Amino acid sequence: MTTRSDALGATLHALARAHRGRLAALLAPHGLHPGQDLLLVAVWNQPGIGQAALAEQLGVEPPTVTRMVQRLERAGMVERRASPLDRRAQLVHPTPRSRLLEGMVRRAWSSLDELLVSALGDVEARKLQKLAAQAVVTLNESP
């Protein structure tokens, strides 16, 4: 029988927390928090993306995206504009200020990947990535 401390779920939770903590330390000097980086990358990749599409991409509820966008808008990182097709819909666009952080965010992600590859080795890191991806699919498909 496994105990809570050695259960797979506990290990995955600890891994996610450790990764998020390291990412937070890299983003904090630039005024960003984990999660905001994902939203910004989506906006950088698709300027003018709708908030509903952002919620779907990020896997969060629309009110969560609304709050995230509002915070980033107050920080001067994104701006909302009415859709030319539906004036009620708000489209999210990056600002020049956020574009200055794009390289830093992508480097932060890469540095975490490099840290793990360095610690695990290429083969084991690829195995971990494959297993984690399979776990995500399994958990998302389960009722």
Protein backbone atom coordinates (compact mmCIF):
# COMPACT_ATOMS: atom_id res chain seq x y z
CA MET A 1 0.00 0.00 0.00
CA THR A 2 1.36 3.43 -0.90
CA THR A 3 1.32 6.28 1.55
CA ARG A 4 0.39 9.84 0.69
CA SER A 5 4.07 10.87 0.65
CA ASP A 6 5.06 8.39 -2.05
CA ALA A 7 1.88 8.42 -4.16
CA LEU A 8 2.28 9.30 -7.81
CA GLY A 9 -0.17 12.18 -7.50
CA ALA A 10 1.82 13.69 -4.63
CA THR A 11 5.01 13.52 -6.67
CA LEU A 12 3.33 15.13 -9.68
CA HIS A 13 1.90 17.86 -7.46
CA ALA A 14 5.34 18.51 -5.95
CA LEU A 15 6.87 18.66 -9.44
CA ALA A 16 4.25 21.16 -10.62
CA ARG A 17 4.76 23.31 -7.51
CA ALA A 18 8.56 23.23 -7.87
CA HIS A 19 8.35 24.17 -11.56
CA ARG A 20 5.87 26.97 -10.85
CA GLY A 21 8.08 28.26 -8.02
CA ARG A 22 11.17 28.39 -10.22
CA LEU A 23 9.18 30.08 -12.98
CA ALA A 24 7.76 32.60 -10.50
CA ALA A 25 11.30 33.52 -9.43
CA LEU A 26 12.29 34.13 -13.05
CA LEU A 27 9.18 36.17 -13.91
CA ALA A 28 8.85 38.23 -10.70
CA PRO A 29 11.63 40.74 -11.46
CA HIS A 30 9.66 41.65 -14.59
CA GLY A 31 6.34 42.08 -12.79
CA LEU A 32 4.78 38.86 -14.06
CA HIS A 33 3.29 35.85 -12.30
CA PRO A 34 3.00 32.26 -13.56
CA GLY A 35 -0.09 31.96 -15.72
CA GLN A 36 0.28 35.50 -17.03
CA ASP A 37 3.17 34.27 -19.14
CA LEU A 38 0.92 31.68 -20.79
CA LEU A 39 -1.73 34.29 -21.53
CA LEU A 40 0.86 36.67 -22.98
CA VAL A 41 2.34 33.96 -25.20
CA ALA A 42 -1.14 33.20 -26.55
CA VAL A 43 -1.68 36.91 -27.26
CA TRP A 44 1.78 37.30 -28.83
CA ASN A 45 1.13 34.27 -31.03
CA GLN A 46 -2.35 35.44 -32.02
CA PRO A 47 -2.81 39.21 -31.59
CA GLY A 48 -6.49 40.06 -31.45
CA ILE A 49 -7.51 36.76 -29.88
CA GLY A 50 -10.90 36.71 -28.19
CA GLN A 51 -11.22 36.17 -24.46
CA ALA A 52 -13.31 33.01 -24.95
CA ALA A 53 -10.57 31.53 -27.14
CA LEU A 54 -7.99 32.49 -24.50
CA ALA A 55 -10.02 30.71 -21.81
CA GLU A 56 -10.22 27.59 -23.95
CA GLN A 57 -6.48 27.64 -24.78
CA LEU A 58 -5.49 28.16 -21.16
CA GLY A 59 -8.00 25.65 -19.82
CA VAL A 60 -9.59 28.12 -17.41
CA GLU A 61 -13.02 29.63 -16.95
CA PRO A 62 -13.87 32.85 -18.84
CA PRO A 63 -14.12 34.95 -15.64
CA THR A 64 -10.56 33.91 -14.79
CA VAL A 65 -9.33 35.15 -18.17
CA THR A 66 -11.26 38.38 -17.69
CA ARG A 67 -9.46 39.01 -14.38
CA MET A 68 -6.07 38.09 -15.87
CA VAL A 69 -6.60 40.38 -18.85
CA GLN A 70 -7.73 43.22 -16.58
CA ARG A 71 -4.56 42.90 -14.46
CA LEU A 72 -2.32 42.77 -17.52
CA GLU A 73 -4.19 45.70 -19.03
CA ARG A 74 -3.62 47.77 -15.87
CA ALA A 75 0.07 46.84 -16.08
CA GLY A 76 0.21 48.07 -19.69
CA MET A 77 0.90 44.61 -21.13
CA VAL A 78 -2.25 44.11 -23.21
CA GLU A 79 -5.11 46.18 -24.51
CA ARG A 80 -8.66 45.19 -25.30
CA ARG A 81 -10.41 46.42 -28.39
CA ALA A 82 -13.92 45.85 -29.58
CA SER A 83 -14.21 43.28 -32.33
CA PRO A 84 -14.99 44.84 -35.72
CA LEU A 85 -17.44 41.98 -36.32
CA ASP A 86 -19.18 42.04 -32.94
CA ARG A 87 -18.78 45.23 -30.90
CA ARG A 88 -19.74 43.32 -27.73
CA ALA A 89 -16.74 41.00 -28.05
CA GLN A 90 -13.38 42.14 -26.73
CA LEU A 91 -10.20 41.17 -28.58
CA VAL A 92 -6.91 41.13 -26.72
CA HIS A 93 -3.81 42.68 -28.29
CA PRO A 94 -0.23 42.84 -27.01
CA THR A 95 1.32 46.22 -26.27
CA PRO A 96 4.84 47.24 -27.22
CA ARG A 97 5.67 47.03 -23.50
CA SER A 98 4.71 43.36 -23.36
CA ARG A 99 6.64 42.64 -26.55
CA LEU A 100 9.78 43.76 -24.69
CA LEU A 101 9.24 40.84 -22.30
CA GLU A 102 8.64 38.21 -24.96
CA GLY A 103 12.26 37.10 -25.20
CA MET A 104 12.61 36.97 -21.41
CA VAL A 105 9.53 34.76 -21.03
CA ARG A 106 10.70 32.36 -23.70
CA ARG A 107 14.22 32.27 -22.16
CA ALA A 108 12.72 31.55 -18.73
CA TRP A 109 10.88 28.55 -20.12
CA SER A 110 14.01 27.36 -21.94
CA SER A 111 16.15 27.74 -18.85
CA LEU A 112 13.81 25.49 -16.87
CA ASP A 113 13.86 22.91 -19.65
CA GLU A 114 17.66 23.08 -19.76
CA LEU A 115 17.87 22.67 -15.98
CA LEU A 116 15.79 19.50 -16.12
CA VAL A 117 17.64 18.08 -19.13
CA SER A 118 20.94 18.79 -17.41
CA ALA A 119 19.81 16.99 -14.25
CA LEU A 120 18.07 14.05 -15.96
CA GLY A 121 19.99 13.67 -19.20
CA ASP A 122 18.52 13.85 -22.69
CA VAL A 123 17.04 10.34 -22.78
CA GLU A 124 15.40 10.50 -19.36
CA ALA A 125 14.10 14.04 -19.98
CA ARG A 126 12.46 12.86 -23.23
CA LYS A 127 10.94 9.90 -21.36
CA LEU A 128 9.60 12.24 -18.67
CA GLN A 129 8.12 14.54 -21.31
CA LYS A 130 6.47 11.62 -23.10
CA LEU A 131 5.09 10.12 -19.88
CA ALA A 132 3.84 13.49 -18.65
CA ALA A 133 2.10 14.12 -21.99
CA GLN A 134 0.46 10.69 -21.78
CA ALA A 135 -0.66 11.44 -18.23
CA VAL A 136 -2.20 14.74 -19.32
CA VAL A 137 -4.16 13.00 -22.07
CA THR A 138 -5.33 10.27 -19.68
CA LEU A 139 -6.45 12.72 -17.01
CA ASN A 140 -8.20 14.98 -19.53
CA GLU A 141 -10.06 12.04 -21.08
CA SER A 142 -11.19 10.49 -17.80
CA PRO A 143 -14.64 11.42 -16.50
